[in-house]
C-alpha atoms as a PDB file:
ATOM      1  CA  UNK A   1      50.346 -11.307  -7.748  1.00  0.00           C
ATOM      2  CA  UNK A   2      47.270 -13.468  -7.248  1.00  0.00           C
ATOM      3  CA  UNK A   3      47.713 -17.200  -7.589  1.00  0.00           C
ATOM      4  CA  UNK A   4      45.571 -19.058 -10.099  1.00  0.00           C
ATOM      5  CA  UNK A   5      43.216 -20.418  -7.422  1.00  0.00           C
ATOM      6  CA  UNK A   6      42.828 -17.040  -5.729  1.00  0.00           C
ATOM      7  CA  UNK A   7      42.228 -15.334  -9.062  1.00  0.00           C
ATOM      8  CA  UNK A   8      39.571 -17.879 -10.000  1.00  0.00           C
ATOM      9  CA  UNK A   9      37.888 -17.436  -6.615  1.00  0.00           C
ATOM     10  CA  UNK A  10      37.878 -13.667  -7.071  1.00  0.00           C
ATOM     11  CA  UNK A  11      36.320 -13.954 -10.518  1.00  0.00           C
ATOM     12  CA  UNK A  12      33.632 -16.301  -9.216  1.00  0.00           C
ATOM     13  CA  UNK A  13      32.878 -13.923  -6.334  1.00  0.00           C
ATOM     14  CA  UNK A  14      32.621 -10.976  -8.714  1.00  0.00           C
ATOM     15  CA  UNK A  15      30.323 -12.934 -11.009  1.00  0.00           C
ATOM     16  CA  UNK A  16      28.068 -13.953  -8.134  1.00  0.00           C
ATOM     17  CA  UNK A  17      27.988 -10.381  -6.863  1.00  0.00           C
ATOM     18  CA  UNK A  18      26.974  -9.112 -10.282  1.00  0.00           C
ATOM     19  CA  UNK A  19      24.317 -11.820 -10.537  1.00  0.00           C
ATOM     20  CA  UNK A  20      22.836 -10.919  -7.145  1.00  0.00           C
ATOM     21  CA  UNK A  21      22.865  -7.215  -8.011  1.00  0.00           C
ATOM     22  CA  UNK A  22      21.192  -7.944 -11.327  1.00  0.00           C
ATOM     23  CA  UNK A  23      18.593 -10.115  -9.603  1.00  0.00           C
ATOM     24  CA  UNK A  24      17.457  -7.327  -7.278  1.00  0.00           C
ATOM     25  CA  UNK A  25      14.034  -6.143  -8.461  1.00  0.00           C
ATOM     26  CA  UNK A  26      13.903  -2.653  -9.882  1.00  0.00           C
ATOM     27  CA  UNK A  27      11.746  -0.496  -7.641  1.00  0.00           C
ATOM     28  CA  UNK A  28       8.432   0.424  -9.226  1.00  0.00           C
ATOM     29  CA  UNK A  29       6.965   3.423  -7.432  1.00  0.00           C
ATOM     30  CA  UNK A  30       3.176   3.620  -7.522  1.00  0.00           C
ATOM     31  CA  UNK A  31       1.296   6.870  -6.835  1.00  0.00           C
ATOM     32  CA  UNK A  32      -1.173   7.039  -3.970  1.00  0.00           C
ATOM     33  CA  UNK A  33      -4.136   9.393  -4.223  1.00  0.00           C
ATOM     34  CA  UNK A  34      -5.284   9.963  -0.660  1.00  0.00           C
ATOM     35  CA  UNK A  35      -8.610  11.538   0.252  1.00  0.00           C
ATOM     36  CA  UNK A  36      -8.910  12.447   3.928  1.00  0.00           C
ATOM     37  CA  UNK A  37     -12.034  13.005   5.988  1.00  0.00           C
ATOM     38  CA  UNK A  38     -12.384  16.034   8.253  1.00  0.00           C
ATOM     39  CA  UNK A  39     -12.309  15.505  12.010  1.00  0.00           C
ATOM     40  CA  UNK A  40     -15.938  16.714  12.282  1.00  0.00           C
ATOM     41  CA  UNK A  41     -18.680  17.798   9.918  1.00  0.00           C
ATOM     42  CA  UNK A  42     -17.961  21.309   8.669  1.00  0.00           C
ATOM     43  CA  UNK A  43     -14.466  21.356  10.185  1.00  0.00           C
ATOM     44  CA  UNK A  44     -11.421  22.521   8.258  1.00  0.00           C
ATOM     45  CA  UNK A  45      -9.041  20.161  10.077  1.00  0.00           C
ATOM     46  CA  UNK A  46      -8.226  16.717   8.642  1.00  0.00           C
ATOM     47  CA  UNK A  47      -8.891  13.660  10.778  1.00  0.00           C
ATOM     48  CA  UNK A  48      -5.184  12.727  10.568  1.00  0.00           C
ATOM     49  CA  UNK A  49      -2.015  14.807  10.386  1.00  0.00           C
ATOM     50  CA  UNK A  50       1.030  14.591   8.115  1.00  0.00           C
ATOM     51  CA  UNK A  51       2.955  12.495  10.645  1.00  0.00           C
ATOM     52  CA  UNK A  52       0.229   9.825  10.612  1.00  0.00           C
ATOM     53  CA  UNK A  53       0.131   9.756   6.801  1.00  0.00           C
ATOM     54  CA  UNK A  54       3.921   9.625   6.551  1.00  0.00           C
ATOM     55  CA  UNK A  55       4.111   6.751   9.051  1.00  0.00           C
ATOM     56  CA  UNK A  56       1.596   4.709   7.047  1.00  0.00           C
ATOM     57  CA  UNK A  57       3.496   5.246   3.787  1.00  0.00           C
ATOM     58  CA  UNK A  58       6.905   4.667   5.391  1.00  0.00           C
ATOM     59  CA  UNK A  59       5.776   1.321   6.829  1.00  0.00           C
ATOM     60  CA  UNK A  60       4.363   0.258   3.467  1.00  0.00           C
ATOM     61  CA  UNK A  61       7.602   1.202   1.720  1.00  0.00           C
ATOM     62  CA  UNK A  62       9.747  -0.656   4.243  1.00  0.00           C
ATOM     63  CA  UNK A  63       7.693  -3.840   3.849  1.00  0.00           C
ATOM     64  CA  UNK A  64       7.275  -3.697   0.057  1.00  0.00           C
ATOM     65  CA  UNK A  65      10.767  -2.474  -0.946  1.00  0.00           C
ATOM     66  CA  UNK A  66      12.415  -5.946  -0.844  1.00  0.00           C
ATOM     67  CA  UNK A  67       9.798  -7.010  -3.401  1.00  0.00           C
ATOM     68  CA  UNK A  68      10.449  -4.226  -5.889  1.00  0.00           C
ATOM     69  CA  UNK A  69       7.527  -1.946  -5.066  1.00  0.00           C
ATOM     70  CA  UNK A  70       7.350   1.496  -3.471  1.00  0.00           C
ATOM     71  CA  UNK A  71       4.696   4.123  -2.880  1.00  0.00           C
ATOM     72  CA  UNK A  72       4.493   7.902  -2.794  1.00  0.00           C
ATOM     73  CA  UNK A  73       1.538  10.180  -2.080  1.00  0.00           C
ATOM     74  CA  UNK A  74       1.096  11.899  -5.423  1.00  0.00           C
ATOM     75  CA  UNK A  75      -2.167  13.689  -4.642  1.00  0.00           C
ATOM     76  CA  UNK A  76      -4.277  14.394  -1.586  1.00  0.00           C
ATOM     77  CA  UNK A  77      -7.650  16.008  -1.150  1.00  0.00           C
ATOM     78  CA  UNK A  78     -10.520  16.423   1.264  1.00  0.00           C
ATOM     79  CA  UNK A  79     -13.046  13.602   1.485  1.00  0.00           C
ATOM     80  CA  UNK A  80     -16.583  15.044   1.723  1.00  0.00           C
ATOM     81  CA  UNK A  81     -18.351  14.634   5.067  1.00  0.00           C
ATOM     82  CA  UNK A  82     -20.907  12.314   3.450  1.00  0.00           C
ATOM     83  CA  UNK A  83     -18.149   9.679   3.161  1.00  0.00           C
ATOM     84  CA  UNK A  84     -16.449  10.261   6.526  1.00  0.00           C
ATOM     85  CA  UNK A  85     -18.222   7.434   8.371  1.00  0.00           C
ATOM     86  CA  UNK A  86     -18.671   4.193   6.461  1.00  0.00           C
ATOM     87  CA  UNK A  87     -21.430   2.107   8.002  1.00  0.00           C
ATOM     88  CA  UNK A  88     -22.654  -0.161   5.194  1.00  0.00           C
ATOM     89  CA  UNK A  89     -21.558  -1.872   2.003  1.00  0.00           C
ATOM     90  CA  UNK A  90     -23.398   0.851   0.101  1.00  0.00           C
ATOM     91  CA  UNK A  91     -21.245   3.473   1.846  1.00  0.00           C
ATOM     92  CA  UNK A  92     -18.108   1.693   0.647  1.00  0.00           C
ATOM     93  CA  UNK A  93     -19.458   1.201  -2.869  1.00  0.00           C
ATOM     94  CA  UNK A  94     -20.217   4.936  -3.095  1.00  0.00           C
ATOM     95  CA  UNK A  95     -16.494   5.691  -2.997  1.00  0.00           C
ATOM     96  CA  UNK A  96     -16.240   4.050  -6.422  1.00  0.00           C
ATOM     97  CA  UNK A  97     -17.406   7.327  -7.953  1.00  0.00           C
ATOM     98  CA  UNK A  98     -14.272   9.050  -6.626  1.00  0.00           C
ATOM     99  CA  UNK A  99     -11.572   6.887  -8.204  1.00  0.00           C
ATOM    100  CA  UNK A 100      -8.622   7.746 -10.429  1.00  0.00           C
ATOM    101  CA  UNK A 101      -7.554   4.606 -12.367  1.00  0.00           C
ATOM    102  CA  UNK A 102      -4.020   5.953 -12.881  1.00  0.00           C
ATOM    103  CA  UNK A 103      -3.379   5.976  -9.115  1.00  0.00           C
ATOM    104  CA  UNK A 104      -3.964   3.754  -6.101  1.00  0.00           C
ATOM    105  CA  UNK A 105      -6.922   5.327  -4.326  1.00  0.00           C
ATOM    106  CA  UNK A 106      -6.591   5.493  -0.540  1.00  0.00           C
ATOM    107  CA  UNK A 107      -9.437   6.811   1.592  1.00  0.00           C
ATOM    108  CA  UNK A 108      -8.862   7.870   5.205  1.00  0.00           C
ATOM    109  CA  UNK A 109     -12.120   7.900   7.159  1.00  0.00           C
ATOM    110  CA  UNK A 110     -13.306   8.709  10.673  1.00  0.00           C
ATOM    111  CA  UNK A 111     -14.807   5.264  11.189  1.00  0.00           C
ATOM    112  CA  UNK A 112     -15.239   2.015   9.300  1.00  0.00           C
ATOM    113  CA  UNK A 113     -17.866  -0.451  10.475  1.00  0.00           C
ATOM    114  CA  UNK A 114     -17.474  -4.186   9.942  1.00  0.00           C
ATOM    115  CA  UNK A 115     -20.262  -4.981   7.469  1.00  0.00           C
ATOM    116  CA  UNK A 116     -20.224  -8.682   8.417  1.00  0.00           C
ATOM    117  CA  UNK A 117     -20.400  -8.007  12.161  1.00  0.00           C
ATOM    118  CA  UNK A 118     -21.872  -4.530  12.726  1.00  0.00           C
ATOM    119  CA  UNK A 119     -20.932  -4.661  16.411  1.00  0.00           C
ATOM    120  CA  UNK A 120     -17.276  -4.324  15.376  1.00  0.00           C
ATOM    121  CA  UNK A 121     -15.237  -1.522  13.827  1.00  0.00           C
ATOM    122  CA  UNK A 122     -12.495  -2.152  11.274  1.00  0.00           C
ATOM    123  CA  UNK A 123      -9.071  -0.554  10.874  1.00  0.00           C
ATOM    124  CA  UNK A 124      -8.916  -0.987   7.125  1.00  0.00           C
ATOM    125  CA  UNK A 125     -10.277  -2.782   4.090  1.00  0.00           C
ATOM    126  CA  UNK A 126      -9.484  -3.433   0.439  1.00  0.00           C
ATOM    127  CA  UNK A 127     -12.718  -2.954  -1.490  1.00  0.00           C
ATOM    128  CA  UNK A 128     -14.157  -3.595  -4.950  1.00  0.00           C
ATOM    129  CA  UNK A 129     -17.107  -1.276  -5.677  1.00  0.00           C
ATOM    130  CA  UNK A 130     -20.248  -2.756  -7.188  1.00  0.00           C
ATOM    131  CA  UNK A 131     -20.883  -2.009 -10.838  1.00  0.00           C
ATOM    132  CA  UNK A 132     -17.276  -1.030 -11.612  1.00  0.00           C
ATOM    133  CA  UNK A 133     -15.459  -4.087 -13.020  1.00  0.00           C
ATOM    134  CA  UNK A 134     -11.757  -4.085 -12.229  1.00  0.00           C
ATOM    135  CA  UNK A 135     -11.958  -1.116  -9.864  1.00  0.00           C
ATOM    136  CA  UNK A 136     -10.608  -1.449  -6.333  1.00  0.00           C
ATOM    137  CA  UNK A 137      -9.220   0.753  -3.584  1.00  0.00           C
ATOM    138  CA  UNK A 138      -8.125   0.792   0.044  1.00  0.00           C
ATOM    139  CA  UNK A 139      -9.807   2.369   3.052  1.00  0.00           C
ATOM    140  CA  UNK A 140      -7.971   3.058   6.314  1.00  0.00           C
ATOM    141  CA  UNK A 141      -9.647   4.282   9.486  1.00  0.00           C
ATOM    142  CA  UNK A 142      -8.079   7.119  11.464  1.00  0.00           C
ATOM    143  CA  UNK A 143      -7.732   4.778  14.485  1.00  0.00           C
ATOM    144  CA  UNK A 144      -5.289   2.559  12.570  1.00  0.00           C
ATOM    145  CA  UNK A 145      -1.737   1.726  13.553  1.00  0.00           C
ATOM    146  CA  UNK A 146       1.123   2.386  11.098  1.00  0.00           C
ATOM    147  CA  UNK A 147       1.088  -0.976   9.273  1.00  0.00           C
ATOM    148  CA  UNK A 148      -2.593  -1.042   8.275  1.00  0.00           C
ATOM    149  CA  UNK A 149      -2.022   0.642   4.905  1.00  0.00           C
ATOM    150  CA  UNK A 150       0.679  -1.940   4.115  1.00  0.00           C
ATOM    151  CA  UNK A 151      -1.733  -4.779   4.943  1.00  0.00           C
ATOM    152  CA  UNK A 152      -4.463  -3.366   2.692  1.00  0.00           C
ATOM    153  CA  UNK A 153      -1.974  -2.740  -0.112  1.00  0.00           C
ATOM    154  CA  UNK A 154      -0.973  -6.383   0.279  1.00  0.00           C
ATOM    155  CA  UNK A 155      -4.557  -7.226  -0.690  1.00  0.00           C
ATOM    156  CA  UNK A 156      -4.420  -4.660  -3.505  1.00  0.00           C
ATOM    157  CA  UNK A 157      -1.438  -6.567  -4.915  1.00  0.00           C
ATOM    158  CA  UNK A 158      -3.318  -9.860  -4.824  1.00  0.00           C
ATOM    159  CA  UNK A 159      -2.517 -11.414  -1.469  1.00  0.00           C
ATOM    160  CA  UNK A 160      -5.143 -13.025   0.791  1.00  0.00           C
ATOM    161  CA  UNK A 161      -4.830 -13.286   4.553  1.00  0.00           C
ATOM    162  CA  UNK A 162      -2.103 -15.462   6.053  1.00  0.00           C
ATOM    163  CA  UNK A 163      -2.117 -17.622   9.178  1.00  0.00           C
ATOM    164  CA  UNK A 164       1.642 -17.140   9.710  1.00  0.00           C
ATOM    165  CA  UNK A 165       2.405 -14.974  12.768  1.00  0.00           C
ATOM    166  CA  UNK A 166       4.363 -11.874  11.782  1.00  0.00           C
ATOM    167  CA  UNK A 167       3.313 -11.986   8.149  1.00  0.00           C
ATOM    168  CA  UNK A 168       1.891  -8.597   7.173  1.00  0.00           C
ATOM    169  CA  UNK A 169      -1.208 -10.387   5.857  1.00  0.00           C
ATOM    170  CA  UNK A 170      -1.800 -12.072   9.226  1.00  0.00           C
ATOM    171  CA  UNK A 171      -3.804 -10.702  12.140  1.00  0.00           C
ATOM    172  CA  UNK A 172      -1.294 -12.285  14.533  1.00  0.00           C
ATOM    173  CA  UNK A 173       1.907 -10.442  15.340  1.00  0.00           C
ATOM    174  CA  UNK A 174       5.205 -12.296  15.391  1.00  0.00           C
ATOM    175  CA  UNK A 175       8.673 -11.847  16.865  1.00  0.00           C
ATOM    176  CA  UNK A 176      10.054 -10.311  13.662  1.00  0.00           C
ATOM    177  CA  UNK A 177       9.140  -7.200  11.665  1.00  0.00           C
ATOM    178  CA  UNK A 178       6.169  -7.639   9.288  1.00  0.00           C
ATOM    179  CA  UNK A 179       7.110  -9.434   6.065  1.00  0.00           C
ATOM    180  CA  UNK A 180       5.899 -11.019   2.837  1.00  0.00           C
ATOM    181  CA  UNK A 181       6.922 -14.619   2.132  1.00  0.00           C
ATOM    182  CA  UNK A 182       8.223 -15.924  -1.202  1.00  0.00           C
ATOM    183  CA  UNK A 183       4.853 -16.864  -2.775  1.00  0.00           C
ATOM    184  CA  UNK A 184       3.440 -13.492  -1.734  1.00  0.00           C
ATOM    185  CA  UNK A 185       6.459 -11.763  -3.240  1.00  0.00           C
ATOM    186  CA  UNK A 186       5.918 -13.496  -6.560  1.00  0.00           C
ATOM    187  CA  UNK A 187       2.279 -12.461  -6.507  1.00  0.00           C
ATOM    188  CA  UNK A 188       3.256  -8.839  -5.831  1.00  0.00           C
ATOM    189  CA  UNK A 189       5.663  -8.965  -8.778  1.00  0.00           C
ATOM    190  CA  UNK A 190       2.950 -10.321 -11.084  1.00  0.00           C
ATOM    191  CA  UNK A 191       0.442  -7.682 -10.055  1.00  0.00           C
ATOM    192  CA  UNK A 192       3.027  -4.889 -10.270  1.00  0.00           C
ATOM    193  CA  UNK A 193       3.935  -5.987 -13.801  1.00  0.00           C
ATOM    194  CA  UNK A 194       0.281  -6.100 -14.805  1.00  0.00           C
ATOM    195  CA  UNK A 195      -0.414  -2.681 -13.308  1.00  0.00           C
ATOM    196  CA  UNK A 196       2.598  -1.224 -15.118  1.00  0.00           C
ATOM    197  CA  UNK A 197       1.583  -2.828 -18.414  1.00  0.00           C
ATOM    198  CA  UNK A 198      -2.017  -1.626 -18.180  1.00  0.00           C
ATOM    199  CA  UNK A 199      -1.057   1.753 -16.646  1.00  0.00           C
ATOM    200  CA  UNK A 200      -3.795   1.265 -14.070  1.00  0.00           C
ATOM    201  CA  UNK A 201      -2.303   2.268 -11.727  1.00  0.00           C
ATOM    202  CA  UNK A 202       0.715   3.623 -13.577  1.00  0.00           C
ATOM    203  CA  UNK A 203       4.180   3.664 -11.935  1.00  0.00           C
ATOM    204  CA  UNK A 204       5.771   7.100 -11.790  1.00  0.00           C
ATOM    205  CA  UNK A 205       9.313   8.437 -11.880  1.00  0.00           C
ATOM    206  CA  UNK A 206       9.422   9.557  -8.265  1.00  0.00           C
ATOM    207  CA  UNK A 207      11.423   8.611  -5.209  1.00  0.00           C
ATOM    208  CA  UNK A 208       9.426   6.663  -2.633  1.00  0.00           C
ATOM    209  CA  UNK A 209      10.828   8.973   0.063  1.00  0.00           C
ATOM    210  CA  UNK A 210       9.378  12.142  -1.493  1.00  0.00           C
ATOM    211  CA  UNK A 211       7.545  14.489   0.858  1.00  0.00           C
ATOM    212  CA  UNK A 212       3.772  14.696   1.019  1.00  0.00           C
ATOM    213  CA  UNK A 213       2.217  17.061  -1.533  1.00  0.00           C
ATOM    214  CA  UNK A 214       0.047  19.979  -0.434  1.00  0.00           C
ATOM    215  CA  UNK A 215      -3.635  19.265   0.051  1.00  0.00           C
ATOM    216  CA  UNK A 216      -6.163  20.304  -2.565  1.00  0.00           C
ATOM    217  CA  UNK A 217      -9.831  20.966  -1.857  1.00  0.00           C
END
């Protein structure tokens, strides 16, 4: 039989455990609508394969999951050749005509030029198209490593760049896996709540580990 002190300690431990469990954020899964460029004009082959797409989404899910957010590719389609190479701001703005407000739009392109320094190429960008208030989307170049989508989604959920090495919003790698800090986490929670309330994008009842859907043309 438990003594009074031991029983009290057990009850406190159970209460704390329940509190911690209750405090864990419920995972909101947001749908990604990915449009993928071909590997050459007129080709039938996408610029990236399923393994590349899955690695991008898996990294994003690993980094966002502790903050109550997950992602699943809900739709994918071919991006017309006219949008495969983005050289100017106008090229990026033109993608605004291809958005679905109920999903997070993700464009995978052959190349993405730095519009501030045209001598450089970019791996990814979070962009707000001109003339479309409230609209925004992410672009990832086919040359990108597996955490670039997560970085751009960090911007999508309201976070600016960070100077902290290892932070997913930093350009400087650290000695630990990529992470969001506490203020960034709170910002993600606010944006996720707003997106869910406005249904733009709208969370869906899907598991973040679901397989990629078939491509549509």
